[in-house]
């Protein structure tokens, strides 16, 4: 039955024009799935990763930083639609800040900030610093339209984007491609960000960058505005001679998700362990910051020559671990058929490249926005936007928890139409129920708004504290 499932899946992908490297990658993972492979990385088989060099300790001259950035390209993963926030377009087009400076002031999307970070780094260093996006079929048109006004962005001979692949969801009972006539688009899923490698191979982007005189690439998610171009890290990576490096952050008590790097006992190789690859019995120790100190930011650095050699050797089919992700075909309908999504993580390539390394970076390099709670924090006065378009925290970021009323971006924006509250004096903000915020609201301490049982309003100029609202 599974032989039939693979044949049907391959035919479906071929009919949709999916790149051959992506089909062969899917085929490899399908055989692993069929054999019962779970991709689990057990705690007993690994040691913690320790004693990383620190970004804060790097002593890099301006000349070395500029020389390294002159050979560096910026690649951003931009395939996400922001569906968890009720969006139907690229999440990077969501407004994240307001900027009142100069002729280009106004509402800025993630993409606007990214472009301006790149332009600022170009101006400061003289580097060409190309920006290349990995789009999906559903984000490409809107994204390229948003980039059109930036007529100085493209670098001669290089594309602004390339396309990630897609693959069929598989019925959990038969491992055959699921059929869902009510919405055929739900029959497909992204292959995880490990698809970066077959997508790069299919697009020829790595070879194009090398031919244009670039040696290194900095890769990160488009919703992480902390991953701005950085000459010091670029120079450290260039001097290291490593084929690959990952940026890691020290864990805090709030870090309960995300991948981590560990050292495989059998061969001393650094490998990645995602949350989905952690056995339930190992979850507590994997999250313990006294054992596993770091989490993965998903900011990566590549030596493009090493990457090109590996992609050419494997035909774009890197031997990454399988991640088996079980869902329903319609994620909003728990009664719809159970499916398996075959995924992989781009950071898992750390095990592919001999001599791969990692560096500890500060929290300022990891500012992802996955929920509207994250978005409120980014829009607030906790962060200031610098002249080079970096978001710099002015205080320790408070923990923000918004009720499900705010989960969708339309409802969120309606309730903060007068702007985000001031959060600089808050250690946390918890909002239960349905509250609309007026202008110039301030939160302090462990601020809490309890559910009033009906829609309520925080008046203009009010303060929210542990005991509620004070006019």
Protein backbone atom coordinates (compact mmCIF):
# COMPACT_ATOMS: atom_id res chain seq x y z
CA UNK A 1 0.00 0.00 0.00
CA UNK A 2 2.82 2.40 0.79
CA UNK A 3 4.48 1.69 -2.61
CA UNK A 4 1.26 2.90 -4.15
CA UNK A 5 1.28 5.91 -1.84
CA UNK A 6 4.78 6.96 -2.91
CA UNK A 7 3.96 6.51 -6.60
CA UNK A 8 0.81 8.62 -6.24
CA UNK A 9 2.69 11.31 -4.32
CA UNK A 10 5.50 11.49 -6.86
CA UNK A 11 3.01 11.72 -9.73
CA UNK A 12 1.11 14.47 -7.97
CA UNK A 13 4.29 16.47 -7.40
CA UNK A 14 5.49 15.98 -10.98
CA UNK A 15 2.11 17.11 -12.33
CA UNK A 16 2.43 20.33 -10.32
CA UNK A 17 5.94 21.03 -11.58
CA UNK A 18 7.72 20.47 -8.24
CA UNK A 19 11.50 20.51 -8.66
CA UNK A 20 13.13 17.07 -9.17
CA UNK A 21 15.45 17.61 -6.18
CA UNK A 22 12.42 18.23 -3.96
CA UNK A 23 10.71 15.08 -5.27
CA UNK A 24 13.81 13.00 -4.55
CA UNK A 25 14.10 14.56 -1.09
CA UNK A 26 10.46 13.68 -0.43
CA UNK A 27 11.10 10.14 -1.69
CA UNK A 28 14.01 9.69 0.70
CA UNK A 29 11.91 10.89 3.63
CA UNK A 30 8.96 8.73 2.54
CA UNK A 31 11.10 5.60 2.77
CA UNK A 32 12.25 6.65 6.24
CA UNK A 33 8.64 7.27 7.26
CA UNK A 34 7.57 3.90 5.83
CA UNK A 35 10.29 2.12 7.80
CA UNK A 36 8.96 3.58 11.06
CA UNK A 37 11.66 6.22 11.42
CA UNK A 38 10.59 8.89 13.91
CA UNK A 39 13.61 11.16 13.80
CA UNK A 40 13.80 11.18 17.61
CA UNK A 41 17.13 12.19 19.15
CA UNK A 42 17.28 10.55 22.59
CA UNK A 43 18.96 12.28 25.52
CA UNK A 44 20.99 9.16 26.35
CA UNK A 45 22.68 9.38 22.97
CA UNK A 46 23.89 12.98 23.17
CA UNK A 47 25.88 15.40 25.28
CA UNK A 48 25.09 19.11 25.75
CA UNK A 49 26.81 21.69 23.55
CA UNK A 50 29.01 23.91 25.72
CA UNK A 51 31.67 26.64 25.66
CA UNK A 52 30.75 28.49 22.50
CA UNK A 53 32.58 31.62 21.37
CA UNK A 54 30.56 34.75 22.14
CA UNK A 55 29.53 37.47 19.71
CA UNK A 56 29.96 39.99 22.53
CA UNK A 57 33.63 39.01 22.91
CA UNK A 58 34.63 39.29 19.25
CA UNK A 59 37.44 41.74 18.56
CA UNK A 60 36.99 42.54 14.88
CA UNK A 61 38.47 45.52 13.05
CA UNK A 62 36.29 47.67 10.83
CA UNK A 63 38.42 46.63 7.86
CA UNK A 64 37.87 42.92 8.52
CA UNK A 65 34.15 43.43 9.05
CA UNK A 66 33.81 45.36 5.80
CA UNK A 67 35.86 42.80 3.89
CA UNK A 68 33.69 39.94 5.13
CA UNK A 69 30.40 41.75 4.40
CA UNK A 70 31.70 42.52 0.91
CA UNK A 71 31.59 38.76 0.27
CA UNK A 72 28.28 38.10 2.05
CA UNK A 73 24.73 37.68 0.76
CA UNK A 74 21.57 37.90 2.88
CA UNK A 75 18.96 35.16 2.39
CA UNK A 76 15.59 35.45 4.12
CA UNK A 77 13.01 32.67 4.42
CA UNK A 78 9.76 34.35 3.37
CA UNK A 79 7.32 31.53 2.65
CA UNK A 80 5.08 31.98 5.70
CA UNK A 81 1.53 33.27 5.25
CA UNK A 82 0.77 34.19 8.84
CA UNK A 83 -2.33 31.98 8.79
CA UNK A 84 -2.19 31.57 12.56
CA UNK A 85 -2.91 35.32 12.75
CA UNK A 86 -5.71 35.12 10.19
CA UNK A 87 -3.60 36.45 7.31
CA UNK A 88 -3.78 35.31 3.69
CA UNK A 89 -0.58 36.96 2.47
CA UNK A 90 3.09 36.94 3.39
CA UNK A 91 3.53 37.54 7.10
CA UNK A 92 6.48 39.80 6.29
CA UNK A 93 4.01 42.34 4.84
CA UNK A 94 2.43 42.86 8.26
CA UNK A 95 3.02 46.27 9.82
CA UNK A 96 5.51 45.95 12.66
CA UNK A 97 6.51 49.57 13.41
CA UNK A 98 5.67 53.17 12.64
CA UNK A 99 8.50 55.39 11.50
CA UNK A 100 8.03 59.16 11.41
CA UNK A 101 11.46 59.94 9.97
CA UNK A 102 11.97 61.54 6.59
CA UNK A 103 10.13 61.09 3.34
CA UNK A 104 9.92 57.31 3.79
CA UNK A 105 8.18 57.52 7.16
CA UNK A 106 4.93 55.79 8.02
CA UNK A 107 3.90 52.22 8.69
CA UNK A 108 6.75 49.76 8.14
CA UNK A 109 6.30 46.07 7.45
CA UNK A 110 8.84 43.40 8.36
CA UNK A 111 9.94 43.50 4.74
CA UNK A 112 10.39 47.28 4.82
CA UNK A 113 12.61 47.02 7.89
CA UNK A 114 14.66 44.19 6.37
CA UNK A 115 15.26 46.16 3.18
CA UNK A 116 16.28 49.24 5.16
CA UNK A 117 18.62 47.21 7.36
CA UNK A 118 20.35 45.98 4.21
CA UNK A 119 20.48 49.44 2.64
CA UNK A 120 21.91 50.92 5.86
CA UNK A 121 24.61 48.24 6.00
CA UNK A 122 25.47 48.88 2.35
CA UNK A 123 25.83 52.60 3.01
CA UNK A 124 27.95 52.07 6.12
CA UNK A 125 30.34 49.51 4.62
CA UNK A 126 30.25 49.86 0.85
CA UNK A 127 29.27 46.19 0.51
CA UNK A 128 26.94 45.16 -2.31
CA UNK A 129 25.12 42.89 0.17
CA UNK A 130 22.43 41.27 -2.02
CA UNK A 131 19.08 40.40 -0.45
CA UNK A 132 17.50 37.20 -1.79
CA UNK A 133 14.16 35.86 -0.50
CA UNK A 134 12.95 32.26 -0.47
CA UNK A 135 9.28 32.77 -1.29
CA UNK A 136 6.45 30.29 -1.61
CA UNK A 137 3.98 30.21 -4.47
CA UNK A 138 1.53 32.03 -2.21
CA UNK A 139 3.90 34.79 -1.02
CA UNK A 140 5.82 35.54 -4.20
CA UNK A 141 3.51 37.97 -6.06
CA UNK A 142 2.62 40.14 -3.06
CA UNK A 143 6.22 40.23 -1.88
CA UNK A 144 7.70 41.24 -5.23
CA UNK A 145 5.02 43.92 -5.58
CA UNK A 146 6.01 45.29 -2.16
CA UNK A 147 9.67 45.36 -3.20
CA UNK A 148 9.00 47.17 -6.48
CA UNK A 149 9.40 50.70 -5.01
CA UNK A 150 12.92 49.80 -3.84
CA UNK A 151 14.52 50.25 -7.24
CA UNK A 152 18.02 50.25 -5.74
CA UNK A 153 17.67 46.85 -4.06
CA UNK A 154 18.58 44.38 -6.81
CA UNK A 155 22.22 43.46 -7.41
CA UNK A 156 23.19 42.94 -11.05
CA UNK A 157 23.04 39.31 -12.13
CA UNK A 158 21.18 38.10 -9.04
CA UNK A 159 17.47 37.38 -8.51
CA UNK A 160 15.45 38.98 -5.73
CA UNK A 161 13.90 35.62 -4.87
CA UNK A 162 13.63 31.91 -5.53
CA UNK A 163 10.76 29.52 -4.82
CA UNK A 164 10.45 26.96 -2.07
CA UNK A 165 8.79 23.66 -2.89
CA UNK A 166 5.61 21.98 -1.72
CA UNK A 167 4.59 18.40 -1.12
CA UNK A 168 1.37 16.42 -0.59
CA UNK A 169 -0.01 15.71 2.86
CA UNK A 170 -0.29 11.95 3.44
CA UNK A 171 -3.21 10.13 4.98
CA UNK A 172 -2.03 8.76 8.31
CA UNK A 173 -3.76 5.40 7.69
CA UNK A 174 -2.50 4.67 4.16
CA UNK A 175 0.41 7.09 3.55
CA UNK A 176 -1.30 8.03 0.29
CA UNK A 177 -1.82 11.66 -0.76
CA UNK A 178 -4.92 13.00 0.92
CA UNK A 179 -7.81 14.25 -1.17
CA UNK A 180 -9.82 17.21 0.10
CA UNK A 181 -12.19 18.53 -2.60
CA UNK A 182 -13.64 21.14 -0.22
CA UNK A 183 -10.32 23.01 -0.49
CA UNK A 184 -7.67 21.31 -2.67
CA UNK A 185 -5.00 23.76 -1.48
CA UNK A 186 -5.16 21.99 1.89
CA UNK A 187 -3.89 18.82 0.21
CA UNK A 188 -0.44 20.45 0.11
CA UNK A 189 2.02 21.57 2.77
CA UNK A 190 5.48 23.13 2.88
CA UNK A 191 8.32 20.67 3.53
CA UNK A 192 9.72 22.65 6.47
CA UNK A 193 12.63 25.05 6.17
CA UNK A 194 14.94 22.14 5.35
CA UNK A 195 13.53 22.65 1.86
CA UNK A 196 16.05 25.50 1.60
CA UNK A 197 18.59 23.07 0.15
CA UNK A 198 16.64 21.47 -2.73
CA UNK A 199 15.15 24.90 -3.47
CA UNK A 200 18.62 26.48 -3.67
CA UNK A 201 19.79 23.63 -5.90
CA UNK A 202 16.80 23.87 -8.23
CA UNK A 203 17.06 27.65 -8.53
CA UNK A 204 20.79 27.84 -9.14
CA UNK A 205 21.06 30.68 -6.62
CA UNK A 206 24.20 29.37 -4.90
CA UNK A 207 26.11 29.16 -8.17
CA UNK A 208 24.84 32.61 -9.21
CA UNK A 209 26.12 34.09 -5.93
CA UNK A 210 29.52 32.46 -6.35
CA UNK A 211 29.77 33.64 -9.95
CA UNK A 212 28.96 37.18 -8.76
CA UNK A 213 31.88 37.10 -6.32
CA UNK A 214 30.16 36.18 -3.06
CA UNK A 215 31.59 33.56 -0.68
CA UNK A 216 29.27 33.59 2.34
CA UNK A 217 25.54 33.69 3.08
CA UNK A 218 23.64 34.72 6.19
CA UNK A 219 20.26 32.95 6.34
CA UNK A 220 17.39 33.77 8.71
CA UNK A 221 13.60 33.99 8.97
CA UNK A 222 11.90 37.13 7.68
CA UNK A 223 9.91 37.49 10.92
CA UNK A 224 13.12 37.80 12.97
CA UNK A 225 14.19 41.43 12.66
CA UNK A 226 17.04 40.81 15.07
CA UNK A 227 19.03 39.03 12.35
CA UNK A 228 20.33 42.22 10.73
CA UNK A 229 23.56 42.19 8.66
CA UNK A 230 26.49 41.92 11.09
CA UNK A 231 30.06 42.53 10.04
CA UNK A 232 31.61 41.14 13.23
CA UNK A 233 29.90 37.75 12.87
CA UNK A 234 30.67 37.72 9.14
CA UNK A 235 34.37 38.32 9.87
CA UNK A 236 34.42 35.67 12.63
CA UNK A 237 32.81 33.14 10.29
CA UNK A 238 35.17 33.94 7.43
CA UNK A 239 38.20 33.56 9.72
CA UNK A 240 36.88 30.29 11.20
CA UNK A 241 37.17 28.40 7.92
CA UNK A 242 34.01 26.50 8.90
CA UNK A 243 31.56 25.45 6.19
CA UNK A 244 28.57 26.22 8.37
CA UNK A 245 27.73 28.02 11.61
CA UNK A 246 24.63 28.48 13.73
CA UNK A 247 23.75 31.38 16.02
CA UNK A 248 22.68 30.22 19.49
CA UNK A 249 21.12 32.10 22.42
CA UNK A 250 21.24 31.35 26.11
CA UNK A 251 17.92 30.01 27.36
CA UNK A 252 15.64 31.89 29.70
CA UNK A 253 12.76 30.35 31.72
CA UNK A 254 10.37 31.50 28.96
CA UNK A 255 12.11 29.43 26.28
CA UNK A 256 10.00 26.31 26.01
CA UNK A 257 10.09 25.84 22.24
CA UNK A 258 12.63 25.75 19.47
CA UNK A 259 15.50 23.55 18.41
CA UNK A 260 18.83 23.03 20.09
CA UNK A 261 22.23 21.71 19.10
CA UNK A 262 23.65 18.70 20.89
CA UNK A 263 26.77 16.56 20.49
CA UNK A 264 26.20 13.00 19.28
CA UNK A 265 28.11 10.61 21.53
CA UNK A 266 28.76 8.05 18.81
CA UNK A 267 30.97 10.31 16.68
CA UNK A 268 31.27 13.69 18.44
CA UNK A 269 29.33 15.40 15.64
CA UNK A 270 27.11 18.41 16.37
CA UNK A 271 23.48 17.59 15.49
CA UNK A 272 20.21 19.47 15.82
CA UNK A 273 17.28 18.32 17.94
CA UNK A 274 13.95 19.99 17.20
CA UNK A 275 11.02 19.94 19.63
CA UNK A 276 9.32 17.39 17.37
CA UNK A 277 12.41 15.17 17.63
CA UNK A 278 12.42 15.12 21.44
CA UNK A 279 11.03 12.02 23.14
CA UNK A 280 8.36 12.83 25.76
CA UNK A 281 10.57 11.32 28.44
CA UNK A 282 13.38 13.73 27.48
CA UNK A 283 11.41 16.98 27.28
CA UNK A 284 12.14 18.20 30.81
CA UNK A 285 15.91 17.75 30.58
CA UNK A 286 16.00 19.19 27.05
CA UNK A 287 14.40 22.38 28.38
CA UNK A 288 16.60 22.58 31.48
CA UNK A 289 18.93 25.58 30.99
CA UNK A 290 21.40 24.14 33.48
CA UNK A 291 21.91 21.13 31.17
CA UNK A 292 21.28 22.45 27.66
CA UNK A 293 22.24 26.12 27.88
CA UNK A 294 21.44 27.23 24.36
CA UNK A 295 18.55 27.30 21.92
CA UNK A 296 18.76 27.67 18.14
CA UNK A 297 17.89 31.08 16.66
CA UNK A 298 17.53 29.66 13.13
CA UNK A 299 20.14 32.20 12.01
CA UNK A 300 22.70 30.33 9.90
CA UNK A 301 25.93 31.12 8.05
CA UNK A 302 27.19 29.19 5.03
CA UNK A 303 30.41 29.01 3.11
CA UNK A 304 28.86 29.04 -0.37
CA UNK A 305 31.67 26.97 -1.88
CA UNK A 306 31.12 24.20 0.67
CA UNK A 307 27.35 24.44 0.20
CA UNK A 308 27.63 24.29 -3.59
CA UNK A 309 29.90 21.24 -3.39
CA UNK A 310 27.45 19.40 -1.14
CA UNK A 311 24.42 20.32 -3.26
CA UNK A 312 26.22 19.19 -6.41
CA UNK A 313 27.35 15.95 -4.75
CA UNK A 314 23.85 15.05 -3.54
CA UNK A 315 21.75 16.59 -6.30
CA UNK A 316 20.22 18.85 -3.65
CA UNK A 317 19.11 15.87 -1.53
CA UNK A 318 20.91 16.45 1.76
CA UNK A 319 20.68 13.65 4.29
CA UNK A 320 18.69 15.53 6.89
CA UNK A 321 16.76 13.78 9.67
CA UNK A 322 13.04 13.19 9.17
CA UNK A 323 10.52 15.16 11.19
CA UNK A 324 7.14 13.40 11.24
CA UNK A 325 4.44 15.99 11.89
CA UNK A 326 0.93 14.68 12.53
CA UNK A 327 -2.01 17.00 11.90
CA UNK A 328 -5.49 17.02 10.37
CA UNK A 329 -5.88 17.90 6.69
CA UNK A 330 -7.88 20.97 7.69
CA UNK A 331 -6.02 22.41 10.69
CA UNK A 332 -9.19 24.24 11.77
CA UNK A 333 -11.30 21.03 11.76
CA UNK A 334 -10.24 18.39 14.26
CA UNK A 335 -12.69 15.95 12.70
CA UNK A 336 -11.05 16.07 9.27
CA UNK A 337 -8.80 13.15 8.29
CA UNK A 338 -5.51 12.69 10.13
CA UNK A 339 -2.48 13.34 7.95
CA UNK A 340 1.28 13.09 8.18
CA UNK A 341 3.42 15.98 6.97
CA UNK A 342 7.00 15.09 6.09
CA UNK A 343 9.27 17.91 7.24
CA UNK A 344 12.89 18.72 7.90
CA UNK A 345 14.79 21.56 9.56
CA UNK A 346 17.42 23.59 7.73
CA UNK A 347 19.52 23.72 10.90
CA UNK A 348 19.83 19.94 10.82
CA UNK A 349 22.43 20.39 8.06
CA UNK A 350 24.90 21.03 10.87
CA UNK A 351 25.46 17.25 10.88
CA UNK A 352 26.13 17.20 7.13
CA UNK A 353 29.06 19.62 7.13
CA UNK A 354 32.23 18.38 8.79
CA UNK A 355 33.74 21.15 10.87
CA UNK A 356 30.40 22.93 11.40
CA UNK A 357 30.40 25.28 14.37
CA UNK A 358 28.24 27.68 16.38
CA UNK A 359 28.44 31.02 18.16
CA UNK A 360 26.59 32.44 21.15
CA UNK A 361 24.74 35.66 20.29
CA UNK A 362 22.74 38.05 22.41
CA UNK A 363 18.98 38.13 22.55
CA UNK A 364 19.00 41.15 20.25
CA UNK A 365 19.68 38.70 17.37
CA UNK A 366 16.49 36.76 18.11
CA UNK A 367 13.28 38.79 17.89
CA UNK A 368 10.77 36.47 16.20
CA UNK A 369 7.08 37.31 15.88
CA UNK A 370 4.96 34.17 15.94
CA UNK A 371 1.84 35.53 17.69
CA UNK A 372 0.00 38.81 18.18
CA UNK A 373 1.44 38.89 21.71
CA UNK A 374 4.92 39.03 20.14
CA UNK A 375 3.68 41.68 17.71
CA UNK A 376 2.36 43.93 20.49
CA UNK A 377 5.75 43.80 22.16
CA UNK A 378 7.52 44.74 18.92
CA UNK A 379 5.16 47.67 18.30
CA UNK A 380 5.58 48.97 21.83
CA UNK A 381 8.07 51.40 23.33
CA UNK A 382 10.13 48.50 24.68
CA UNK A 383 12.00 48.73 21.37
CA UNK A 384 13.45 51.74 19.59
CA UNK A 385 14.19 51.77 15.88
CA UNK A 386 17.74 53.00 15.32
CA UNK A 387 19.04 54.97 12.36
CA UNK A 388 20.26 51.71 10.80
CA UNK A 389 16.81 50.14 11.37
CA UNK A 390 17.75 47.79 14.17
CA UNK A 391 15.21 47.19 16.91
CA UNK A 392 16.96 47.77 20.21
CA UNK A 393 15.33 46.91 23.53
CA UNK A 394 15.38 49.80 26.02
CA UNK A 395 14.45 47.56 28.98
CA UNK A 396 14.16 43.83 29.59
CA UNK A 397 11.23 42.69 27.46
CA UNK A 398 8.14 41.88 29.56
CA UNK A 399 6.14 38.70 29.03
CA UNK A 400 2.95 39.49 27.09
CA UNK A 401 -0.04 37.13 27.13
CA UNK A 402 -3.15 38.11 25.18
CA UNK A 403 -6.42 36.18 25.17
CA UNK A 404 -7.71 34.39 22.08
CA UNK A 405 -9.77 37.51 21.35
CA UNK A 406 -6.56 39.01 19.96
CA UNK A 407 -5.34 35.96 18.02
CA UNK A 408 -6.45 37.21 14.61
CA UNK A 409 -4.75 40.32 13.27
CA UNK A 410 -8.04 42.08 12.41
CA UNK A 411 -9.31 41.79 15.98
CA UNK A 412 -5.91 42.69 17.38
CA UNK A 413 -5.57 45.85 15.28
CA UNK A 414 -9.11 46.96 16.11
CA UNK A 415 -8.40 46.77 19.85
CA UNK A 416 -5.09 48.64 19.58
CA UNK A 417 -6.18 51.19 16.99
CA UNK A 418 -4.79 53.99 19.20
CA UNK A 419 -1.40 52.34 19.39
CA UNK A 420 0.37 49.89 21.66
CA UNK A 421 0.43 50.66 25.39
CA UNK A 422 3.69 51.75 26.99
CA UNK A 423 5.35 48.59 28.34
CA UNK A 424 8.67 49.98 29.61
CA UNK A 425 7.55 49.88 33.24
CA UNK A 426 5.92 46.42 32.95
CA UNK A 427 7.42 43.08 33.88
CA UNK A 428 4.43 41.33 32.31
CA UNK A 429 1.07 42.09 30.71
CA UNK A 430 -1.77 39.58 30.83
CA UNK A 431 -5.04 40.42 29.07
CA UNK A 432 -8.02 38.15 29.63
CA UNK A 433 -11.31 38.62 27.83
CA UNK A 434 -12.00 41.46 25.40
CA UNK A 435 -10.46 44.87 26.10
CA UNK A 436 -10.01 47.78 23.70
CA UNK A 437 -7.09 50.05 24.56
CA UNK A 438 -7.31 53.82 24.37
CA UNK A 439 -4.45 56.18 23.59
CA UNK A 440 -1.41 56.66 25.86
CA UNK A 441 -2.19 53.63 28.05
CA UNK A 442 0.65 52.57 30.36
CA UNK A 443 1.29 49.15 31.89
CA UNK A 444 3.42 48.74 35.00
CA UNK A 445 4.63 45.81 37.10
CA UNK A 446 2.75 42.57 36.56
CA UNK A 447 -0.15 44.21 34.77
CA UNK A 448 -3.38 42.22 34.53
CA UNK A 449 -6.75 42.82 32.91
CA UNK A 450 -9.25 40.18 34.01
CA UNK A 451 -12.18 39.10 31.89
CA UNK A 452 -15.03 41.58 32.44
CA UNK A 453 -17.54 39.15 30.93
CA UNK A 454 -18.26 41.57 28.09
CA UNK A 455 -16.25 43.93 25.86
CA UNK A 456 -14.58 46.64 27.93
CA UNK A 457 -12.33 49.64 27.33
CA UNK A 458 -9.11 50.87 28.90
CA UNK A 459 -9.56 54.68 28.89
CA UNK A 460 -7.12 57.12 27.30
CA UNK A 461 -4.16 57.79 29.58
CA UNK A 462 -5.00 54.99 32.04
CA UNK A 463 -2.49 52.78 33.86
CA UNK A 464 -2.85 49.00 33.97
CA UNK A 465 -1.26 47.33 36.99
CA UNK A 466 -1.62 44.16 39.04
CA UNK A 467 -4.93 45.34 40.48
CA UNK A 468 -6.43 46.40 37.15
CA UNK A 469 -7.05 49.80 35.59
CA UNK A 470 -6.35 53.17 37.20
CA UNK A 471 -7.57 56.28 35.33
